[in-house]
Amino acid sequence: MNEFIIEAIRQGGLLGIFVLMALENIFPPMPSEVIMGFAGVLVARGQMDFWPVLAIGTLGTVTGNLFWYWLGVRWSEAQVQRFVERRGRWLTMDWDDFQRARKVFRRHGEWIVFTLRFSPFLRTIISLPAGLARMKLWRFLLFTFLGSLIWNGALLFGGQMLAGLITEYEAAATWAVGGLIAVGVIWYVYRVVTWKPRGEG
């Protein structure tokens, strides 16, 4: 299974990494930890180069977050609420999630956009209140880029360093990665099944 994912990423190349990282921040098909981690394995094997992968992966992350920022800037709060309540089931996001992210943004200011790039839970949704608050675009892009660059770099470097172990302990690594993906799928299905519009009991 590991080799299948690695080969799929290799075949997709830099464009594939860009698309996956963008989608991961809009609609999560595969976590960035898996994408950049296995890209690091390809770097270790000499089949990809570290810096281009890091740059393109980070640009993909910024692009995905820019989608949510754009919604926040373009729409009123009422429009955002209607969108989240209608599409929240498939986005695994409800209005309470957004309100929590907005409180965090208001409490800690614009730097939280940078800081939450290291959080697996609020790193994408924080872009929505940033847009609603009309955070300057250049600051949003800068903070998102810098935070994503560090996080993606750590994942890429980690995959590169663990490449030998992943190959040597293929069975254990397969179970670990399979478990990570399975947990993500189960969590997503659970959110879809249990999601209710705000105000419904």
C-alpha atoms as a PDB file:
ATOM      1  CA  MET A   1       0.000   0.000   0.000  1.00  0.00           C
ATOM      2  CA  ASN A   2       2.813   2.403   0.854  1.00  0.00           C
ATOM      3  CA  GLU A   3       4.429   1.789  -2.520  1.00  0.00           C
ATOM      4  CA  PHE A   4       1.091   2.367  -4.227  1.00  0.00           C
ATOM      5  CA  ILE A   5       0.692   5.786  -2.594  1.00  0.00           C
ATOM      6  CA  ILE A   6       4.324   6.677  -3.239  1.00  0.00           C
ATOM      7  CA  GLU A   7       4.027   5.685  -6.894  1.00  0.00           C
ATOM      8  CA  ALA A   8       0.772   7.633  -7.258  1.00  0.00           C
ATOM      9  CA  ILE A   9       2.459  10.761  -5.884  1.00  0.00           C
ATOM     10  CA  ARG A  10       5.488  10.201  -8.121  1.00  0.00           C
ATOM     11  CA  GLN A  11       3.309   9.789 -11.203  1.00  0.00           C
ATOM     12  CA  GLY A  12       1.369  12.941 -10.364  1.00  0.00           C
ATOM     13  CA  GLY A  13       4.589  14.886 -10.008  1.00  0.00           C
ATOM     14  CA  LEU A  14       4.684  18.470  -8.787  1.00  0.00           C
ATOM     15  CA  LEU A  15       1.301  19.265 -10.331  1.00  0.00           C
ATOM     16  CA  GLY A  16      -0.246  16.330  -8.489  1.00  0.00           C
ATOM     17  CA  ILE A  17       1.263  17.489  -5.202  1.00  0.00           C
ATOM     18  CA  PHE A  18      -0.068  21.011  -5.788  1.00  0.00           C
ATOM     19  CA  VAL A  19      -3.593  19.742  -6.514  1.00  0.00           C
ATOM     20  CA  LEU A  20      -3.623  17.324  -3.541  1.00  0.00           C
ATOM     21  CA  MET A  21      -2.364  19.964  -1.119  1.00  0.00           C
ATOM     22  CA  ALA A  22      -4.916  22.498  -2.385  1.00  0.00           C
ATOM     23  CA  LEU A  23      -7.784  20.019  -2.138  1.00  0.00           C
ATOM     24  CA  GLU A  24      -6.634  18.878   1.306  1.00  0.00           C
ATOM     25  CA  ASN A  25      -7.386  22.389   2.520  1.00  0.00           C
ATOM     26  CA  ILE A  26     -10.807  22.572   0.841  1.00  0.00           C
ATOM     27  CA  PHE A  27     -12.136  19.032   0.911  1.00  0.00           C
ATOM     28  CA  PRO A  28      -9.874  16.504   2.643  1.00  0.00           C
ATOM     29  CA  PRO A  29      -9.174  13.569   0.270  1.00  0.00           C
ATOM     30  CA  MET A  30      -5.877  12.749   1.984  1.00  0.00           C
ATOM     31  CA  PRO A  31      -4.112  14.456   4.916  1.00  0.00           C
ATOM     32  CA  SER A  32      -1.081  16.622   4.191  1.00  0.00           C
ATOM     33  CA  GLU A  33       0.928  14.452   6.579  1.00  0.00           C
ATOM     34  CA  VAL A  34       0.588  11.551   4.130  1.00  0.00           C
ATOM     35  CA  ILE A  35       1.131  13.621   0.981  1.00  0.00           C
ATOM     36  CA  MET A  36       4.258  15.446   2.117  1.00  0.00           C
ATOM     37  CA  GLY A  37       5.530  12.514   4.152  1.00  0.00           C
ATOM     38  CA  PHE A  38       5.586  10.200   1.157  1.00  0.00           C
ATOM     39  CA  ALA A  39       6.911  12.972  -1.058  1.00  0.00           C
ATOM     40  CA  GLY A  40       9.824  13.007   1.399  1.00  0.00           C
ATOM     41  CA  VAL A  41      10.376   9.305   0.700  1.00  0.00           C
ATOM     42  CA  LEU A  42      10.641  10.137  -3.009  1.00  0.00           C
ATOM     43  CA  VAL A  43      13.132  12.884  -2.178  1.00  0.00           C
ATOM     44  CA  ALA A  44      15.227  10.373  -0.238  1.00  0.00           C
ATOM     45  CA  ARG A  45      15.170   8.023  -3.240  1.00  0.00           C
ATOM     46  CA  GLY A  46      16.327  10.770  -5.550  1.00  0.00           C
ATOM     47  CA  GLN A  47      13.094  10.738  -7.547  1.00  0.00           C
ATOM     48  CA  MET A  48      12.072  14.248  -6.492  1.00  0.00           C
ATOM     49  CA  ASP A  49      13.912  17.346  -5.311  1.00  0.00           C
ATOM     50  CA  PHE A  50      13.307  18.766  -1.846  1.00  0.00           C
ATOM     51  CA  TRP A  51      12.963  22.474  -2.602  1.00  0.00           C
ATOM     52  CA  PRO A  52      10.637  22.278  -5.613  1.00  0.00           C
ATOM     53  CA  VAL A  53       8.369  19.850  -3.736  1.00  0.00           C
ATOM     54  CA  LEU A  54       8.333  22.127  -0.686  1.00  0.00           C
ATOM     55  CA  ALA A  55       7.607  25.231  -2.762  1.00  0.00           C
ATOM     56  CA  ILE A  56       4.850  23.649  -4.853  1.00  0.00           C
ATOM     57  CA  GLY A  57       3.276  21.864  -1.875  1.00  0.00           C
ATOM     58  CA  THR A  58       3.216  25.115   0.086  1.00  0.00           C
ATOM     59  CA  LEU A  59       1.691  27.013  -2.832  1.00  0.00           C
ATOM     60  CA  GLY A  60      -1.008  24.331  -2.955  1.00  0.00           C
ATOM     61  CA  THR A  61      -1.702  24.833   0.745  1.00  0.00           C
ATOM     62  CA  VAL A  62      -1.945  28.601   0.316  1.00  0.00           C
ATOM     63  CA  THR A  63      -4.287  28.176  -2.659  1.00  0.00           C
ATOM     64  CA  GLY A  64      -6.617  25.926  -0.687  1.00  0.00           C
ATOM     65  CA  ASN A  65      -6.714  28.381   2.211  1.00  0.00           C
ATOM     66  CA  LEU A  66      -7.236  31.283  -0.168  1.00  0.00           C
ATOM     67  CA  PHE A  67     -10.550  29.719  -1.196  1.00  0.00           C
ATOM     68  CA  TRP A  68     -11.903  30.057   2.358  1.00  0.00           C
ATOM     69  CA  TYR A  69     -10.404  33.528   2.779  1.00  0.00           C
ATOM     70  CA  TRP A  70     -12.079  34.610  -0.463  1.00  0.00           C
ATOM     71  CA  LEU A  71     -15.474  33.360   0.771  1.00  0.00           C
ATOM     72  CA  GLY A  72     -15.027  35.348   3.968  1.00  0.00           C
ATOM     73  CA  VAL A  73     -14.141  38.531   2.094  1.00  0.00           C
ATOM     74  CA  ARG A  74     -16.811  38.195  -0.579  1.00  0.00           C
ATOM     75  CA  TRP A  75     -19.758  37.119   1.565  1.00  0.00           C
ATOM     76  CA  SER A  76     -21.524  38.597   4.550  1.00  0.00           C
ATOM     77  CA  GLU A  77     -21.658  36.656   7.795  1.00  0.00           C
ATOM     78  CA  ALA A  78     -25.249  35.641   7.024  1.00  0.00           C
ATOM     79  CA  GLN A  79     -24.196  34.241   3.642  1.00  0.00           C
ATOM     80  CA  VAL A  80     -21.279  32.347   5.194  1.00  0.00           C
ATOM     81  CA  GLN A  81     -23.631  30.899   7.810  1.00  0.00           C
ATOM     82  CA  ARG A  82     -26.098  29.723   5.160  1.00  0.00           C
ATOM     83  CA  PHE A  83     -23.262  28.159   3.162  1.00  0.00           C
ATOM     84  CA  VAL A  84     -21.824  26.347   6.192  1.00  0.00           C
ATOM     85  CA  GLU A  85     -25.257  25.115   7.271  1.00  0.00           C
ATOM     86  CA  ARG A  86     -26.056  23.823   3.778  1.00  0.00           C
ATOM     87  CA  ARG A  87     -22.664  22.337   2.904  1.00  0.00           C
ATOM     88  CA  GLY A  88     -21.291  21.698   6.366  1.00  0.00           C
ATOM     89  CA  ARG A  89     -22.147  18.013   6.255  1.00  0.00           C
ATOM     90  CA  TRP A  90     -19.775  17.398   3.338  1.00  0.00           C
ATOM     91  CA  LEU A  91     -17.135  19.832   4.549  1.00  0.00           C
ATOM     92  CA  THR A  92     -17.194  18.286   8.052  1.00  0.00           C
ATOM     93  CA  MET A  93     -17.637  21.787   9.410  1.00  0.00           C
ATOM     94  CA  ASP A  94     -20.569  23.281  11.270  1.00  0.00           C
ATOM     95  CA  TRP A  95     -21.368  26.799  12.374  1.00  0.00           C
ATOM     96  CA  ASP A  96     -20.101  26.132  15.890  1.00  0.00           C
ATOM     97  CA  ASP A  97     -16.709  25.190  14.426  1.00  0.00           C
ATOM     98  CA  PHE A  98     -16.635  28.502  12.606  1.00  0.00           C
ATOM     99  CA  GLN A  99     -17.629  30.454  15.709  1.00  0.00           C
ATOM    100  CA  ARG A 100     -14.845  28.812  17.705  1.00  0.00           C
ATOM    101  CA  ALA A 101     -12.338  29.690  14.990  1.00  0.00           C
ATOM    102  CA  ARG A 102     -13.577  33.279  14.922  1.00  0.00           C
ATOM    103  CA  LYS A 103     -13.211  33.616  18.692  1.00  0.00           C
ATOM    104  CA  VAL A 104      -9.640  32.330  18.435  1.00  0.00           C
ATOM    105  CA  PHE A 105      -8.934  34.819  15.639  1.00  0.00           C
ATOM    106  CA  ARG A 106     -10.395  37.743  17.581  1.00  0.00           C
ATOM    107  CA  ARG A 107      -8.585  36.781  20.777  1.00  0.00           C
ATOM    108  CA  HIS A 108      -5.137  36.301  19.283  1.00  0.00           C
ATOM    109  CA  GLY A 109      -5.158  38.541  16.223  1.00  0.00           C
ATOM    110  CA  GLU A 110      -3.775  37.989  12.756  1.00  0.00           C
ATOM    111  CA  TRP A 111      -0.715  36.045  13.918  1.00  0.00           C
ATOM    112  CA  ILE A 112      -3.011  33.144  14.740  1.00  0.00           C
ATOM    113  CA  VAL A 113      -3.237  32.495  10.982  1.00  0.00           C
ATOM    114  CA  PHE A 114       0.477  31.655  11.125  1.00  0.00           C
ATOM    115  CA  THR A 115       0.331  29.737  14.401  1.00  0.00           C
ATOM    116  CA  LEU A 116      -2.612  27.514  13.489  1.00  0.00           C
ATOM    117  CA  ARG A 117      -0.832  26.170  10.429  1.00  0.00           C
ATOM    118  CA  PHE A 118       0.596  23.668  12.935  1.00  0.00           C
ATOM    119  CA  SER A 119      -2.852  22.611  14.180  1.00  0.00           C
ATOM    120  CA  PRO A 120      -4.599  19.653  12.526  1.00  0.00           C
ATOM    121  CA  PHE A 121      -8.025  21.007  13.499  1.00  0.00           C
ATOM    122  CA  LEU A 122      -8.282  24.764  12.906  1.00  0.00           C
ATOM    123  CA  ARG A 123      -5.549  25.392  10.351  1.00  0.00           C
ATOM    124  CA  THR A 124      -7.959  25.662   7.407  1.00  0.00           C
ATOM    125  CA  ILE A 125     -11.144  27.008   8.965  1.00  0.00           C
ATOM    126  CA  ILE A 126      -9.278  30.002  10.469  1.00  0.00           C
ATOM    127  CA  SER A 127      -9.061  31.410   6.923  1.00  0.00           C
ATOM    128  CA  LEU A 128     -12.807  32.064   6.919  1.00  0.00           C
ATOM    129  CA  PRO A 129     -12.915  34.479   9.893  1.00  0.00           C
ATOM    130  CA  ALA A 130      -9.710  36.066   8.583  1.00  0.00           C
ATOM    131  CA  GLY A 131     -11.595  36.911   5.393  1.00  0.00           C
ATOM    132  CA  LEU A 132     -14.684  38.131   7.246  1.00  0.00           C
ATOM    133  CA  ALA A 133     -12.451  40.371   9.369  1.00  0.00           C
ATOM    134  CA  ARG A 134     -11.032  41.788   6.104  1.00  0.00           C
ATOM    135  CA  MET A 135      -7.489  40.857   7.058  1.00  0.00           C
ATOM    136  CA  LYS A 136      -5.190  42.431   4.473  1.00  0.00           C
ATOM    137  CA  LEU A 137      -4.623  39.977   1.645  1.00  0.00           C
ATOM    138  CA  TRP A 138      -0.830  40.342   1.635  1.00  0.00           C
ATOM    139  CA  ARG A 139      -0.676  39.651   5.367  1.00  0.00           C
ATOM    140  CA  PHE A 140      -2.958  36.633   5.035  1.00  0.00           C
ATOM    141  CA  LEU A 141      -0.837  35.244   2.198  1.00  0.00           C
ATOM    142  CA  LEU A 142       2.412  35.946   4.053  1.00  0.00           C
ATOM    143  CA  PHE A 143       1.340  34.364   7.359  1.00  0.00           C
ATOM    144  CA  THR A 144      -0.267  31.381   5.626  1.00  0.00           C
ATOM    145  CA  PHE A 145       2.767  30.854   3.406  1.00  0.00           C
ATOM    146  CA  LEU A 146       5.312  31.067   6.228  1.00  0.00           C
ATOM    147  CA  GLY A 147       3.379  28.770   8.555  1.00  0.00           C
ATOM    148  CA  SER A 148       2.711  26.283   5.757  1.00  0.00           C
ATOM    149  CA  LEU A 149       6.331  26.407   4.621  1.00  0.00           C
ATOM    150  CA  ILE A 150       7.589  25.403   8.069  1.00  0.00           C
ATOM    151  CA  TRP A 151       4.957  22.689   8.576  1.00  0.00           C
ATOM    152  CA  ASN A 152       5.326  21.200   5.103  1.00  0.00           C
ATOM    153  CA  GLY A 153       9.096  21.371   5.393  1.00  0.00           C
ATOM    154  CA  ALA A 154       8.961  19.409   8.646  1.00  0.00           C
ATOM    155  CA  LEU A 155       6.721  16.763   7.066  1.00  0.00           C
ATOM    156  CA  LEU A 156       8.888  16.525   3.975  1.00  0.00           C
ATOM    157  CA  PHE A 157      12.090  16.278   6.010  1.00  0.00           C
ATOM    158  CA  GLY A 158      10.500  13.702   8.313  1.00  0.00           C
ATOM    159  CA  GLY A 159       9.501  11.534   5.354  1.00  0.00           C
ATOM    160  CA  GLN A 160      12.996  11.866   3.950  1.00  0.00           C
ATOM    161  CA  MET A 161      14.596  10.793   7.221  1.00  0.00           C
ATOM    162  CA  LEU A 162      12.187   7.888   7.728  1.00  0.00           C
ATOM    163  CA  ALA A 163      12.415   6.615   4.159  1.00  0.00           C
ATOM    164  CA  GLY A 164      14.789   3.813   5.144  1.00  0.00           C
ATOM    165  CA  LEU A 165      12.588   2.657   7.990  1.00  0.00           C
ATOM    166  CA  ILE A 166       9.477   2.762   5.814  1.00  0.00           C
ATOM    167  CA  THR A 167      11.216   0.506   3.314  1.00  0.00           C
ATOM    168  CA  GLU A 168      12.767  -1.802   5.922  1.00  0.00           C
ATOM    169  CA  TYR A 169       9.590  -2.162   7.946  1.00  0.00           C
ATOM    170  CA  GLU A 170       7.169  -2.110   5.054  1.00  0.00           C
ATOM    171  CA  ALA A 171       4.463  -4.156   6.799  1.00  0.00           C
ATOM    172  CA  ALA A 172       4.448  -2.037   9.954  1.00  0.00           C
ATOM    173  CA  ALA A 173       4.552   1.187   7.942  1.00  0.00           C
ATOM    174  CA  THR A 174       1.658  -0.024   5.807  1.00  0.00           C
ATOM    175  CA  TRP A 175      -0.435  -0.685   8.898  1.00  0.00           C
ATOM    176  CA  ALA A 176       0.486   2.712  10.346  1.00  0.00           C
ATOM    177  CA  VAL A 177      -0.394   4.629   7.193  1.00  0.00           C
ATOM    178  CA  GLY A 178      -3.484   2.519   6.602  1.00  0.00           C
ATOM    179  CA  GLY A 179      -4.580   3.220  10.154  1.00  0.00           C
ATOM    180  CA  LEU A 180      -4.062   6.960   9.697  1.00  0.00           C
ATOM    181  CA  ILE A 181      -6.139   7.004   6.524  1.00  0.00           C
ATOM    182  CA  ALA A 182      -8.791   4.732   8.074  1.00  0.00           C
ATOM    183  CA  VAL A 183      -9.141   7.019  11.097  1.00  0.00           C
ATOM    184  CA  GLY A 184      -9.530   9.982   8.754  1.00  0.00           C
ATOM    185  CA  VAL A 185     -12.199   8.198   6.723  1.00  0.00           C
ATOM    186  CA  ILE A 186     -14.074   7.014   9.830  1.00  0.00           C
ATOM    187  CA  TRP A 187     -13.956  10.517  11.316  1.00  0.00           C
ATOM    188  CA  TYR A 188     -15.237  11.996   8.050  1.00  0.00           C
ATOM    189  CA  VAL A 189     -18.085   9.477   7.750  1.00  0.00           C
ATOM    190  CA  TYR A 190     -19.000  10.069  11.395  1.00  0.00           C
ATOM    191  CA  ARG A 191     -19.170  13.834  10.827  1.00  0.00           C
ATOM    192  CA  VAL A 192     -21.284  13.372   7.699  1.00  0.00           C
ATOM    193  CA  VAL A 193     -23.717  10.995   9.437  1.00  0.00           C
ATOM    194  CA  THR A 194     -24.071  12.957  12.672  1.00  0.00           C
ATOM    195  CA  TRP A 195     -23.978  16.477  11.250  1.00  0.00           C
ATOM    196  CA  LYS A 196     -27.063  18.606  11.813  1.00  0.00           C
ATOM    197  CA  PRO A 197     -27.757  22.218  10.845  1.00  0.00           C
ATOM    198  CA  ARG A 198     -27.382  24.663  13.694  1.00  0.00           C
ATOM    199  CA  GLY A 199     -30.497  24.875  15.779  1.00  0.00           C
ATOM    200  CA  GLU A 200     -31.640  21.323  15.148  1.00  0.00           C
ATOM    201  CA  GLY A 201     -31.639  19.004  18.139  1.00  0.00           C
END
